[in-house]
Protein backbone atom coordinates (compact mmCIF):
# COMPACT_ATOMS: atom_id res chain seq x y z
CA UNK A 1 81.23 104.94 93.22
CA UNK A 2 80.16 101.45 94.18
CA UNK A 3 83.22 100.92 96.35
CA UNK A 4 82.39 104.08 98.30
CA UNK A 5 78.83 102.83 98.80
CA UNK A 6 80.08 99.41 99.88
CA UNK A 7 82.36 101.00 102.47
CA UNK A 8 79.52 103.21 103.68
CA UNK A 9 77.26 100.17 104.04
CA UNK A 10 79.88 98.32 106.08
CA UNK A 11 80.32 101.36 108.32
CA UNK A 12 76.56 101.57 108.87
CA UNK A 13 76.43 97.87 109.72
CA UNK A 14 79.19 98.36 112.28
CA UNK A 15 77.33 101.33 113.75
CA UNK A 16 74.16 99.29 113.89
CA UNK A 17 75.85 96.56 115.93
CA UNK A 18 76.80 99.10 118.60
CA UNK A 19 73.80 101.45 118.35
CA UNK A 20 71.53 102.25 121.22
CA UNK A 21 67.80 101.80 120.63
CA UNK A 22 67.19 105.50 119.95
CA UNK A 23 69.68 105.54 117.06
CA UNK A 24 68.86 102.10 115.67
CA UNK A 25 65.90 103.09 113.47
CA UNK A 26 67.78 106.02 111.93
CA UNK A 27 70.81 103.87 111.12
CA UNK A 28 68.58 101.12 109.68
CA UNK A 29 66.91 103.69 107.42
CA UNK A 30 70.28 105.02 106.25
CA UNK A 31 71.44 101.46 105.63
CA UNK A 32 68.40 100.68 103.49
CA UNK A 33 68.94 103.84 101.44
CA UNK A 34 72.62 103.04 100.92
CA UNK A 35 71.80 99.47 99.87
CA UNK A 36 69.22 100.73 97.37
CA UNK A 37 71.74 103.22 95.98
CA UNK A 38 74.29 100.42 95.59
CA UNK A 39 71.80 98.27 93.69
CA UNK A 40 70.94 101.19 91.42
CA UNK A 41 74.62 101.97 90.77
CA UNK A 42 75.42 98.33 90.00
CA UNK A 43 72.45 98.08 87.66
CA UNK A 44 73.53 101.23 85.87
CA UNK A 45 77.06 99.85 85.49
CA UNK A 46 75.77 96.57 84.10
CA UNK A 47 73.71 98.45 81.53
CA UNK A 48 76.83 100.21 80.24
CA UNK A 49 78.86 97.01 79.83
CA UNK A 50 78.86 95.73 76.27
CA UNK A 51 78.37 91.97 76.15
CA UNK A 52 79.79 91.77 72.64
CA UNK A 53 83.54 91.70 72.02
CA UNK A 54 84.97 94.90 70.54
CA UNK A 55 86.08 93.25 67.28
């Protein structure tokens, strides 16, 4: 899931570079949401990783 979000974020950044002023605020909002979702997904993944060895 995080790879999909990372790709989506890169696509939004590319769109933002070429966006006209009327689209810019919408793309920025979508970018912020995607970045927050990525942080949440990474945090969730880190919580499921066991720091102790399995033996």
